[in-house]
Every structure is written in C-alpha cells, then in structure tokens.
C-alpha cells in the first residue's frame, strides 16, 4: 500500500480548511485517512495546528509527500526542524520522499 502525506478538504462553504493527513494513495480527497498531521487555513495562509512528532515519524518511514503538503510544511519551517541532516529530499514522479544520504567514500587508494 502506497501511503502519502497530502491535503484533505473540510470546512464550510466559501471557507475551506485543509487537514494535512496521511492517506492511502488510492483514496479520494475526502476519503479515510490514517493519521492527522496538522490543519491549514489557505485564506489566512497559516497553520492552525501541527504535530511535528507525527510529521517526523511518517517522513522517516519513507512516506511520499504531495507538492502542496511539502510546500506548506517547508514554508512554515516544520520540515526543516524534524528531518535529520543526513536525509535529503528526492522527487519520485509527482511526489517527494526523504531518503537517507549516501556517504561519499573518501580516502580510498
């Protein structure tokens, strides 16, 4: 099962609110989700609530991340805080994944 961090829409008419959630890749936008990582208000462009420990947990498990979810978490400094320095962001198709950096072999010879 491919799991992704993406946005799920809720709120009221003319005032959308998005939950940053972990979902199965085949689920619809308002479908069932595995975990809630935070809440985002696009009108005010602010994170209403975020759980950095949950974000770190799912990122380190290798969960794919949608472009919009990555942009929101990066711009608010969440990804910079929770991702260790030995991980790098790689694009896989239309999604992003944090993978452990390969160490360069130096001094051989």
PDB file of N, CA and C in Angstrom:
ATOM      1  N   UNK A   1       0.854  -1.183   0.000  1.00  0.00           N
ATOM      2  CA  UNK A   1       0.000   0.000   0.000  1.00  0.00           C
ATOM      3  C   UNK A   1       0.893   1.236   0.000  1.00  0.00           C
ATOM      4  N   UNK A   2       0.738   2.076  -1.027  1.00  0.00           N
ATOM      5  CA  UNK A   2       1.477   3.337  -1.088  1.00  0.00           C
ATOM      6  C   UNK A   2       0.776   4.353  -0.194  1.00  0.00           C
ATOM      7  N   UNK A   3       1.546   4.958   0.688  1.00  0.00           N
ATOM      8  CA  UNK A   3       0.988   5.913   1.644  1.00  0.00           C
ATOM      9  C   UNK A   3       1.571   7.291   1.329  1.00  0.00           C
ATOM     10  N   UNK A   4       0.710   8.315   1.365  1.00  0.00           N
ATOM     11  CA  UNK A   4       1.139   9.670   1.037  1.00  0.00           C
ATOM     12  C   UNK A   4       0.659  10.672   2.066  1.00  0.00           C
ATOM     13  N   UNK A   5       1.480  11.720   2.245  1.00  0.00           N
ATOM     14  CA  UNK A   5       1.072  12.876   3.046  1.00  0.00           C
ATOM     15  C   UNK A   5       0.476  13.863   2.063  1.00  0.00           C
ATOM     16  N   UNK A   6      -0.785  14.232   2.272  1.00  0.00           N
ATOM     17  CA  UNK A   6      -1.456  15.163   1.370  1.00  0.00           C
ATOM     18  C   UNK A   6      -2.544  15.918   2.111  1.00  0.00           C
ATOM     19  N   UNK A   7      -3.299  16.727   1.381  1.00  0.00           N
ATOM     20  CA  UNK A   7      -4.326  17.560   1.997  1.00  0.00           C
ATOM     21  C   UNK A   7      -5.704  16.936   1.840  1.00  0.00           C
ATOM     22  N   UNK A   8      -6.525  17.031   2.872  1.00  0.00           N
ATOM     23  CA  UNK A   8      -7.924  16.596   2.841  1.00  0.00           C
ATOM     24  C   UNK A   8      -8.777  17.819   3.166  1.00  0.00           C
ATOM     25  N   UNK A   9      -9.720  18.123   2.304  1.00  0.00           N
ATOM     26  CA  UNK A   9     -10.523  19.336   2.447  1.00  0.00           C
ATOM     27  C   UNK A   9     -11.680  19.129   3.421  1.00  0.00           C
ATOM     28  N   UNK A  10     -11.886  20.115   4.284  1.00  0.00           N
ATOM     29  CA  UNK A  10     -13.079  20.202   5.101  1.00  0.00           C
ATOM     30  C   UNK A  10     -13.273  21.670   5.427  1.00  0.00           C
ATOM     31  N   UNK A  11     -14.264  22.022   6.179  1.00  0.00           N
ATOM     32  CA  UNK A  11     -14.555  23.422   6.468  1.00  0.00           C
ATOM     33  C   UNK A  11     -15.989  23.714   6.089  1.00  0.00           C
ATOM     34  N   UNK A  12     -16.254  24.952   5.732  1.00  0.00           N
ATOM     35  CA  UNK A  12     -17.617  25.291   5.342  1.00  0.00           C
ATOM     36  C   UNK A  12     -17.608  25.992   3.985  1.00  0.00           C
ATOM     37  N   UNK A  13     -18.774  26.333   3.517  1.00  0.00           N
ATOM     38  CA  UNK A  13     -18.924  26.959   2.215  1.00  0.00           C
ATOM     39  C   UNK A  13     -18.130  28.267   2.146  1.00  0.00           C
ATOM     40  N   UNK A  14     -17.357  28.421   1.105  1.00  0.00           N
ATOM     41  CA  UNK A  14     -16.543  29.608   0.833  1.00  0.00           C
ATOM     42  C   UNK A  14     -15.440  29.853   1.867  1.00  0.00           C
ATOM     43  N   UNK A  15     -15.194  28.883   2.739  1.00  0.00           N
ATOM     44  CA  UNK A  15     -14.083  28.983   3.684  1.00  0.00           C
ATOM     45  C   UNK A  15     -13.473  27.592   3.885  1.00  0.00           C
ATOM     46  N   UNK A  16     -12.655  27.174   2.922  1.00  0.00           N
ATOM     47  CA  UNK A  16     -12.070  25.834   3.037  1.00  0.00           C
ATOM     48  C   UNK A  16     -10.994  25.789   4.113  1.00  0.00           C
ATOM     49  N   UNK A  17     -10.888  24.670   4.756  1.00  0.00           N
ATOM     50  CA  UNK A  17      -9.817  24.366   5.698  1.00  0.00           C
ATOM     51  C   UNK A  17      -9.283  23.006   5.252  1.00  0.00           C
ATOM     52  N   UNK A  18      -7.986  22.838   5.299  1.00  0.00           N
ATOM     53  CA  UNK A  18      -7.387  21.573   4.885  1.00  0.00           C
ATOM     54  C   UNK A  18      -6.697  20.914   6.061  1.00  0.00           C
ATOM     55  N   UNK A  19      -6.882  19.613   6.177  1.00  0.00           N
ATOM     56  CA  UNK A  19      -6.118  18.816   7.123  1.00  0.00           C
ATOM     57  C   UNK A  19      -4.934  18.248   6.358  1.00  0.00           C
ATOM     58  N   UNK A  20      -3.775  18.276   6.969  1.00  0.00           N
ATOM     59  CA  UNK A  20      -2.614  17.608   6.402  1.00  0.00           C
ATOM     60  C   UNK A  20      -2.653  16.201   6.976  1.00  0.00           C
ATOM     61  N   UNK A  21      -2.891  15.225   6.102  1.00  0.00           N
ATOM     62  CA  UNK A  21      -3.154  13.866   6.558  1.00  0.00           C
ATOM     63  C   UNK A  21      -2.261  12.853   5.859  1.00  0.00           C
ATOM     64  N   UNK A  22      -2.204  11.664   6.431  1.00  0.00           N
ATOM     65  CA  UNK A  22      -1.543  10.515   5.819  1.00  0.00           C
ATOM     66  C   UNK A  22      -2.655   9.617   5.303  1.00  0.00           C
ATOM     67  N   UNK A  23      -2.636   9.351   3.978  1.00  0.00           N
ATOM     68  CA  UNK A  23      -3.695   8.563   3.345  1.00  0.00           C
ATOM     69  C   UNK A  23      -3.099   7.512   2.422  1.00  0.00           C
ATOM     70  N   UNK A  24      -3.911   6.512   2.125  1.00  0.00           N
ATOM     71  CA  UNK A  24      -3.575   5.577   1.071  1.00  0.00           C
ATOM     72  C   UNK A  24      -3.605   6.359  -0.246  1.00  0.00           C
ATOM     73  N   UNK A  25      -2.696   6.077  -1.140  1.00  0.00           N
ATOM     74  CA  UNK A  25      -2.577   6.819  -2.398  1.00  0.00           C
ATOM     75  C   UNK A  25      -3.837   6.717  -3.266  1.00  0.00           C
ATOM     76  N   UNK A  26      -4.595   5.652  -3.101  1.00  0.00           N
ATOM     77  CA  UNK A  26      -5.786   5.460  -3.945  1.00  0.00           C
ATOM     78  C   UNK A  26      -7.046   6.080  -3.365  1.00  0.00           C
ATOM     79  N   UNK A  27      -6.962   6.646  -2.171  1.00  0.00           N
ATOM     80  CA  UNK A  27      -8.136   7.233  -1.521  1.00  0.00           C
ATOM     81  C   UNK A  27      -8.529   8.554  -2.168  1.00  0.00           C
ATOM     82  N   UNK A  28      -9.821   8.872  -2.197  1.00  0.00           N
ATOM     83  CA  UNK A  28     -10.239  10.190  -2.692  1.00  0.00           C
ATOM     84  C   UNK A  28      -9.854  11.293  -1.705  1.00  0.00           C
ATOM     85  N   UNK A  29      -9.986  12.542  -2.123  1.00  0.00           N
ATOM     86  CA  UNK A  29      -9.537  13.672  -1.310  1.00  0.00           C
ATOM     87  C   UNK A  29     -10.182  13.696   0.077  1.00  0.00           C
ATOM     88  N   UNK A  30     -11.465  13.401   0.167  1.00  0.00           N
ATOM     89  CA  UNK A  30     -12.139  13.391   1.464  1.00  0.00           C
ATOM     90  C   UNK A  30     -12.295  11.981   2.018  1.00  0.00           C
ATOM     91  N   UNK A  31     -11.468  11.050   1.559  1.00  0.00           N
ATOM     92  CA  UNK A  31     -11.574   9.665   1.991  1.00  0.00           C
ATOM     93  C   UNK A  31     -10.997   9.418   3.367  1.00  0.00           C
ATOM     94  N   UNK A  32     -10.888   8.136   3.715  1.00  0.00           N
ATOM     95  CA  UNK A  32     -10.367   7.757   5.029  1.00  0.00           C
ATOM     96  C   UNK A  32      -8.880   8.045   5.094  1.00  0.00           C
ATOM     97  N   UNK A  33      -8.440   8.490   6.256  1.00  0.00           N
ATOM     98  CA  UNK A  33      -7.024   8.767   6.435  1.00  0.00           C
ATOM     99  C   UNK A  33      -6.490   7.979   7.619  1.00  0.00           C
ATOM    100  N   UNK A  34      -5.177   7.784   7.606  1.00  0.00           N
ATOM    101  CA  UNK A  34      -4.525   7.001   8.648  1.00  0.00           C
ATOM    102  C   UNK A  34      -4.159   7.848   9.863  1.00  0.00           C
ATOM    103  N   UNK A  35      -3.778   9.110   9.614  1.00  0.00           N
ATOM    104  CA  UNK A  35      -3.325   9.965  10.701  1.00  0.00           C
ATOM    105  C   UNK A  35      -3.467  11.429  10.291  1.00  0.00           C
ATOM    106  N   UNK A  36      -3.724  12.301  11.257  1.00  0.00           N
ATOM    107  CA  UNK A  36      -3.793  13.744  11.010  1.00  0.00           C
ATOM    108  C   UNK A  36      -2.488  14.362  11.496  1.00  0.00           C
ATOM    109  N   UNK A  37      -1.813  15.105  10.604  1.00  0.00           N
ATOM    110  CA  UNK A  37      -0.547  15.736  10.956  1.00  0.00           C
ATOM    111  C   UNK A  37      -0.701  17.208  11.293  1.00  0.00           C
ATOM    112  N   UNK A  38      -1.789  17.818  10.834  1.00  0.00           N
ATOM    113  CA  UNK A  38      -1.987  19.234  11.111  1.00  0.00           C
ATOM    114  C   UNK A  38      -3.193  19.781  10.373  1.00  0.00           C
ATOM    115  N   UNK A  39      -3.432  21.089  10.538  1.00  0.00           N
ATOM    116  CA  UNK A  39      -4.559  21.780   9.919  1.00  0.00           C
ATOM    117  C   UNK A  39      -4.047  23.078   9.312  1.00  0.00           C
ATOM    118  N   UNK A  40      -4.507  23.396   8.083  1.00  0.00           N
ATOM    119  CA  UNK A  40      -4.033  24.570   7.351  1.00  0.00           C
ATOM    120  C   UNK A  40      -5.210  25.392   6.851  1.00  0.00           C
ATOM    121  N   UNK A  41      -5.127  26.723   7.034  1.00  0.00           N
ATOM    122  CA  UNK A  41      -6.141  27.651   6.541  1.00  0.00           C
ATOM    123  C   UNK A  41      -5.561  28.409   5.346  1.00  0.00           C
ATOM    124  N   UNK A  42      -6.027  28.117   4.113  1.00  0.00           N
ATOM    125  CA  UNK A  42      -5.455  28.778   2.935  1.00  0.00           C
ATOM    126  C   UNK A  42      -5.848  30.245   2.800  1.00  0.00           C
ATOM    127  N   UNK A  43      -6.964  30.666   3.388  1.00  0.00           N
ATOM    128  CA  UNK A  43      -7.370  32.067   3.313  1.00  0.00           C
ATOM    129  C   UNK A  43      -6.411  32.961   4.099  1.00  0.00           C
ATOM    130  N   UNK A  44      -6.041  32.516   5.306  1.00  0.00           N
ATOM    131  CA  UNK A  44      -5.107  33.289   6.139  1.00  0.00           C
ATOM    132  C   UNK A  44      -3.664  32.857   5.934  1.00  0.00           C
ATOM    133  N   UNK A  45      -3.473  31.780   5.151  1.00  0.00           N
ATOM    134  CA  UNK A  45      -2.154  31.215   4.879  1.00  0.00           C
ATOM    135  C   UNK A  45      -1.373  30.915   6.163  1.00  0.00           C
ATOM    136  N   UNK A  46      -2.031  30.218   7.061  1.00  0.00           N
ATOM    137  CA  UNK A  46      -1.356  29.858   8.315  1.00  0.00           C
ATOM    138  C   UNK A  46      -1.714  28.441   8.740  1.00  0.00           C
ATOM    139  N   UNK A  47      -0.761  27.818   9.422  1.00  0.00           N
ATOM    140  CA  UNK A  47      -1.003  26.518  10.027  1.00  0.00           C
ATOM    141  C   UNK A  47      -1.745  26.745  11.323  1.00  0.00           C
ATOM    142  N   UNK A  48      -2.923  26.150  11.445  1.00  0.00           N
ATOM    143  CA  UNK A  48      -3.703  26.301  12.664  1.00  0.00           C
ATOM    144  C   UNK A  48      -3.204  25.360  13.745  1.00  0.00           C
ATOM    145  N   UNK A  49      -2.729  24.191  13.312  1.00  0.00           N
ATOM    146  CA  UNK A  49      -2.286  23.178  14.258  1.00  0.00           C
ATOM    147  C   UNK A  49      -1.341  22.245  13.520  1.00  0.00           C
ATOM    148  N   UNK A  50      -0.289  21.811  14.170  1.00  0.00           N
ATOM    149  CA  UNK A  50       0.624  20.850  13.555  1.00  0.00           C
ATOM    150  C   UNK A  50       1.248  19.989  14.647  1.00  0.00           C
ATOM    151  N   UNK A  51       1.501  18.738  14.313  1.00  0.00           N
ATOM    152  CA  UNK A  51       2.116  17.779  15.227  1.00  0.00           C
ATOM    153  C   UNK A  51       3.485  17.385  14.661  1.00  0.00           C
ATOM    154  N   UNK A  52       4.557  18.102  15.033  1.00  0.00           N
ATOM    155  CA  UNK A  52       5.881  17.824  14.463  1.00  0.00           C
ATOM    156  C   UNK A  52       6.369  16.398  14.700  1.00  0.00           C
ATOM    157  N   UNK A  53       6.034  15.818  15.851  1.00  0.00           N
ATOM    158  CA  UNK A  53       6.493  14.453  16.137  1.00  0.00           C
ATOM    159  C   UNK A  53       5.848  13.448  15.184  1.00  0.00           C
ATOM    160  N   UNK A  54       4.583  13.681  14.809  1.00  0.00           N
ATOM    161  CA  UNK A  54       3.916  12.794  13.851  1.00  0.00           C
ATOM    162  C   UNK A  54       4.486  12.996  12.456  1.00  0.00           C
ATOM    163  N   UNK A  55       4.786  14.244  12.093  1.00  0.00           N
ATOM    164  CA  UNK A  55       5.380  14.520  10.780  1.00  0.00           C
ATOM    165  C   UNK A  55       6.715  13.796  10.674  1.00  0.00           C
ATOM    166  N   UNK A  56       7.533  13.896  11.709  1.00  0.00           N
ATOM    167  CA  UNK A  56       8.841  13.238  11.699  1.00  0.00           C
ATOM    168  C   UNK A  56       8.693  11.731  11.585  1.00  0.00           C
ATOM    169  N   UNK A  57       7.765  11.172  12.350  1.00  0.00           N
ATOM    170  CA  UNK A  57       7.533   9.727  12.325  1.00  0.00           C
ATOM    171  C   UNK A  57       7.215   9.237  10.914  1.00  0.00           C
ATOM    172  N   UNK A  58       6.287   9.910  10.228  1.00  0.00           N
ATOM    173  CA  UNK A  58       5.873   9.475   8.893  1.00  0.00           C
ATOM    174  C   UNK A  58       6.925   9.765   7.829  1.00  0.00           C
ATOM    175  N   UNK A  59       7.629  10.869   7.953  1.00  0.00           N
ATOM    176  CA  UNK A  59       8.676  11.193   6.981  1.00  0.00           C
ATOM    177  C   UNK A  59       9.797  10.165   7.060  1.00  0.00           C
ATOM    178  N   UNK A  60      10.190   9.779   8.261  1.00  0.00           N
ATOM    179  CA  UNK A  60      11.269   8.806   8.422  1.00  0.00           C
ATOM    180  C   UNK A  60      10.859   7.397   8.007  1.00  0.00           C
ATOM    181  N   UNK A  61       9.565   7.144   7.929  1.00  0.00           N
ATOM    182  CA  UNK A  61       9.091   5.850   7.426  1.00  0.00           C
ATOM    183  C   UNK A  61       9.152   5.779   5.905  1.00  0.00           C
ATOM    184  N   UNK A  62       9.434   6.914   5.249  1.00  0.00           N
ATOM    185  CA  UNK A  62       9.549   6.925   3.788  1.00  0.00           C
ATOM    186  C   UNK A  62       8.248   7.236   3.080  1.00  0.00           C
ATOM    187  N   UNK A  63       7.333   7.912   3.745  1.00  0.00           N
ATOM    188  CA  UNK A  63       6.046   8.265   3.157  1.00  0.00           C
ATOM    189  C   UNK A  63       6.232   9.310   2.066  1.00  0.00           C
ATOM    190  N   UNK A  64       5.560   9.117   0.924  1.00  0.00           N
ATOM    191  CA  UNK A  64       5.590  10.111  -0.144  1.00  0.00           C
ATOM    192  C   UNK A  64       4.812  11.342   0.305  1.00  0.00           C
ATOM    193  N   UNK A  65       5.181  12.506  -0.238  1.00  0.00           N
ATOM    194  CA  UNK A  65       4.546  13.758   0.160  1.00  0.00           C
ATOM    195  C   UNK A  65       4.131  14.531  -1.087  1.00  0.00           C
ATOM    196  N   UNK A  66       2.887  15.018  -1.095  1.00  0.00           N
ATOM    197  CA  UNK A  66       2.424  15.804  -2.241  1.00  0.00           C
ATOM    198  C   UNK A  66       3.146  17.144  -2.275  1.00  0.00           C
ATOM    199  N   UNK A  67       3.165  17.759  -3.453  1.00  0.00           N
ATOM    200  CA  UNK A  67       3.848  19.036  -3.630  1.00  0.00           C
ATOM    201  C   UNK A  67       3.271  20.102  -2.696  1.00  0.00           C
ATOM    202  N   UNK A  68       1.956  20.190  -2.601  1.00  0.00           N
ATOM    203  CA  UNK A  68       1.313  21.229  -1.787  1.00  0.00           C
ATOM    204  C   UNK A  68       1.588  21.011  -0.294  1.00  0.00           C
ATOM    205  N   UNK A  69       1.496  19.766   0.164  1.00  0.00           N
ATOM    206  CA  UNK A  69       1.777  19.482   1.577  1.00  0.00           C
ATOM    207  C   UNK A  69       3.233  19.794   1.904  1.00  0.00           C
ATOM    208  N   UNK A  70       4.146  19.440   1.007  1.00  0.00           N
ATOM    209  CA  UNK A  70       5.565  19.741   1.217  1.00  0.00           C
ATOM    210  C   UNK A  70       5.789  21.247   1.298  1.00  0.00           C
ATOM    211  N   UNK A  71       5.170  21.993   0.387  1.00  0.00           N
ATOM    212  CA  UNK A  71       5.342  23.444   0.354  1.00  0.00           C
ATOM    213  C   UNK A  71       4.839  24.087   1.652  1.00  0.00           C
ATOM    214  N   UNK A  72       3.690  23.655   2.128  1.00  0.00           N
ATOM    215  CA  UNK A  72       3.121  24.217   3.358  1.00  0.00           C
ATOM    216  C   UNK A  72       4.026  23.929   4.552  1.00  0.00           C
ATOM    217  N   UNK A  73       4.447  22.670   4.698  1.00  0.00           N
ATOM    218  CA  UNK A  73       5.281  22.301   5.838  1.00  0.00           C
ATOM    219  C   UNK A  73       6.676  22.932   5.749  1.00  0.00           C
ATOM    220  N   UNK A  74       7.213  23.074   4.541  1.00  0.00           N
ATOM    221  CA  UNK A  74       8.540  23.669   4.365  1.00  0.00           C
ATOM    222  C   UNK A  74       8.498  25.168   4.658  1.00  0.00           C
ATOM    223  N   UNK A  75       7.496  25.873   4.118  1.00  0.00           N
ATOM    224  CA  UNK A  75       7.398  27.319   4.302  1.00  0.00           C
ATOM    225  C   UNK A  75       7.171  27.718   5.753  1.00  0.00           C
ATOM    226  N   UNK A  76       6.553  26.850   6.529  1.00  0.00           N
ATOM    227  CA  UNK A  76       6.324  27.143   7.946  1.00  0.00           C
ATOM    228  C   UNK A  76       7.436  26.584   8.832  1.00  0.00           C
ATOM    229  N   UNK A  77       8.482  26.036   8.229  1.00  0.00           N
ATOM    230  CA  UNK A  77       9.663  25.595   8.964  1.00  0.00           C
ATOM    231  C   UNK A  77       9.544  24.258   9.662  1.00  0.00           C
ATOM    232  N   UNK A  78       8.471  23.522   9.410  1.00  0.00           N
ATOM    233  CA  UNK A  78       8.269  22.245  10.107  1.00  0.00           C
ATOM    234  C   UNK A  78       9.252  21.187   9.602  1.00  0.00           C
ATOM    235  N   UNK A  79       9.400  21.062   8.288  1.00  0.00           N
ATOM    236  CA  UNK A  79      10.289  20.043   7.738  1.00  0.00           C
ATOM    237  C   UNK A  79      11.745  20.325   8.092  1.00  0.00           C
ATOM    238  N   UNK A  80      12.110  21.588   8.145  1.00  0.00           N
ATOM    239  CA  UNK A  80      13.495  21.938   8.500  1.00  0.00           C
ATOM    240  C   UNK A  80      13.817  21.499   9.919  1.00  0.00           C
ATOM    241  N   UNK A  81      12.819  21.528  10.797  1.00  0.00           N
ATOM    242  CA  UNK A  81      13.021  21.154  12.204  1.00  0.00           C
ATOM    243  C   UNK A  81      13.074  19.640  12.408  1.00  0.00           C
ATOM    244  N   UNK A  82      12.204  18.906  11.721  1.00  0.00           N
ATOM    245  CA  UNK A  82      12.019  17.494  12.066  1.00  0.00           C
ATOM    246  C   UNK A  82      12.875  16.522  11.261  1.00  0.00           C
ATOM    247  N   UNK A  83      13.362  16.928  10.097  1.00  0.00           N
ATOM    248  CA  UNK A  83      14.115  15.996   9.263  1.00  0.00           C
ATOM    249  C   UNK A  83      15.595  16.065   9.624  1.00  0.00           C
ATOM    250  N   UNK A  84      16.213  14.937   9.942  1.00  0.00           N
ATOM    251  CA  UNK A  84      17.640  14.929  10.285  1.00  0.00           C
ATOM    252  C   UNK A  84      18.511  15.394   9.108  1.00  0.00           C
ATOM    253  N   UNK A  85      19.716  15.851   9.430  1.00  0.00           N
ATOM    254  CA  UNK A  85      20.601  16.385   8.404  1.00  0.00           C
ATOM    255  C   UNK A  85      21.089  15.334   7.415  1.00  0.00           C
ATOM    256  N   UNK A  86      21.102  14.063   7.810  1.00  0.00           N
ATOM    257  CA  UNK A  86      21.594  13.032   6.900  1.00  0.00           C
ATOM    258  C   UNK A  86      20.509  12.513   5.942  1.00  0.00           C
ATOM    259  N   UNK A  87      19.388  13.216   5.863  1.00  0.00           N
ATOM    260  CA  UNK A  87      18.330  12.890   4.906  1.00  0.00           C
ATOM    261  C   UNK A  87      18.248  13.984   3.856  1.00  0.00           C
ATOM    262  N   UNK A  88      17.868  13.606   2.635  1.00  0.00           N
ATOM    263  CA  UNK A  88      17.695  14.580   1.575  1.00  0.00           C
ATOM    264  C   UNK A  88      16.349  14.355   0.885  1.00  0.00           C
ATOM    265  N   UNK A  89      15.839  15.422   0.290  1.00  0.00           N
ATOM    266  CA  UNK A  89      14.543  15.379  -0.382  1.00  0.00           C
ATOM    267  C   UNK A  89      14.746  14.955  -1.824  1.00  0.00           C
ATOM    268  N   UNK A  90      14.056  13.894  -2.244  1.00  0.00           N
ATOM    269  CA  UNK A  90      14.152  13.420  -3.620  1.00  0.00           C
ATOM    270  C   UNK A  90      12.759  13.418  -4.234  1.00  0.00           C
ATOM    271  N   UNK A  91      12.701  13.776  -5.505  1.00  0.00           N
ATOM    272  CA  UNK A  91      11.441  13.768  -6.223  1.00  0.00           C
ATOM    273  C   UNK A  91      11.260  12.401  -6.867  1.00  0.00           C
ATOM    274  N   UNK A  92      10.108  11.787  -6.628  1.00  0.00           N
ATOM    275  CA  UNK A  92       9.772  10.493  -7.211  1.00  0.00           C
ATOM    276  C   UNK A  92       8.460  10.673  -7.962  1.00  0.00           C
ATOM    277  N   UNK A  93       8.544  10.859  -9.273  1.00  0.00           N
ATOM    278  CA  UNK A  93       7.349  11.149 -10.060  1.00  0.00           C
ATOM    279  C   UNK A  93       6.803  12.512  -9.679  1.00  0.00           C
ATOM    280  N   UNK A  94       5.546  12.565  -9.278  1.00  0.00           N
ATOM    281  CA  UNK A  94       4.913  13.820  -8.879  1.00  0.00           C
ATOM    282  C   UNK A  94       5.018  14.073  -7.383  1.00  0.00           C
ATOM    283  N   UNK A  95       5.685  13.189  -6.656  1.00  0.00           N
ATOM    284  CA  UNK A  95       5.720  13.282  -5.201  1.00  0.00           C
ATOM    285  C   UNK A  95       7.146  13.391  -4.689  1.00  0.00           C
ATOM    286  N   UNK A  96       7.299  13.710  -3.406  1.00  0.00           N
ATOM    287  CA  UNK A  96       8.606  13.882  -2.781  1.00  0.00           C
ATOM    288  C   UNK A  96       8.782  12.871  -1.662  1.00  0.00           C
ATOM    289  N   UNK A  97      10.019  12.402  -1.498  1.00  0.00           N
ATOM    290  CA  UNK A  97      10.352  11.433  -0.460  1.00  0.00           C
ATOM    291  C   UNK A  97      11.675  11.856   0.174  1.00  0.00           C
ATOM    292  N   UNK A  98      11.778  11.743   1.489  1.00  0.00           N
ATOM    293  CA  UNK A  98      13.040  11.976   2.169  1.00  0.00           C
ATOM    294  C   UNK A  98      13.765  10.649   2.266  1.00  0.00           C
ATOM    295  N   UNK A  99      15.004  10.621   1.777  1.00  0.00           N
ATOM    296  CA  UNK A  99      15.820   9.415   1.823  1.00  0.00           C
ATOM    297  C   UNK A  99      17.142   9.724   2.495  1.00  0.00           C
ATOM    298  N   UNK A 100      17.712   8.705   3.100  1.00  0.00           N
ATOM    299  CA  UNK A 100      18.994   8.874   3.771  1.00  0.00           C
ATOM    300  C   UNK A 100      20.082   9.105   2.726  1.00  0.00           C
ATOM    301  N   UNK A 101      20.935  10.104   2.979  1.00  0.00           N
ATOM    302  CA  UNK A 101      22.025  10.406   2.049  1.00  0.00           C
ATOM    303  C   UNK A 101      23.046   9.285   2.043  1.00  0.00           C
ATOM    304  N   UNK A 102      23.589   9.040   0.867  1.00  0.00           N
ATOM    305  CA  UNK A 102      24.677   8.068   0.765  1.00  0.00           C
ATOM    306  C   UNK A 102      25.960   8.773   1.136  1.00  0.00           C
ATOM    307  N   UNK A 103      26.742   8.123   1.957  1.00  0.00           N
ATOM    308  CA  UNK A 103      28.022   8.717   2.365  1.00  0.00           C
ATOM    309  C   UNK A 103      29.020   8.573   1.227  1.00  0.00           C
ATOM    310  N   UNK A 104      29.764   9.627   0.983  1.00  0.00           N
ATOM    311  CA  UNK A 104      30.802   9.591  -0.051  1.00  0.00           C
ATOM    312  C   UNK A 104      32.014   8.887   0.522  1.00  0.00           C
ATOM    313  N   UNK A 105      32.518   7.965  -0.273  1.00  0.00           N
ATOM    314  CA  UNK A 105      33.702   7.220   0.159  1.00  0.00           C
ATOM    315  C   UNK A 105      34.926   8.048  -0.178  1.00  0.00           C
ATOM    316  N   UNK A 106      35.603   8.502   0.823  1.00  0.00           N
ATOM    317  CA  UNK A 106      36.796   9.320   0.620  1.00  0.00           C
ATOM    318  C   UNK A 106      38.005   8.656   1.241  1.00  0.00           C
ATOM    319  N   UNK A 107      39.166   8.954   0.677  1.00  0.00           N
ATOM    320  CA  UNK A 107      40.393   8.466   1.256  1.00  0.00           C
ATOM    321  C   UNK A 107      40.764   7.059   0.837  1.00  0.00           C
ATOM    322  N   UNK A 108      40.054   6.484  -0.146  1.00  0.00           N
ATOM    323  CA  UNK A 108      40.407   5.149  -0.600  1.00  0.00           C
ATOM    324  C   UNK A 108      41.557   5.253  -1.593  1.00  0.00           C
ATOM    325  N   UNK A 109      42.490   4.334  -1.530  1.00  0.00           N
ATOM    326  CA  UNK A 109      43.514   4.322  -2.566  1.00  0.00           C
ATOM    327  C   UNK A 109      44.869   4.341  -2.137  1.00  0.00           C
TER     328      UNK A 109
END
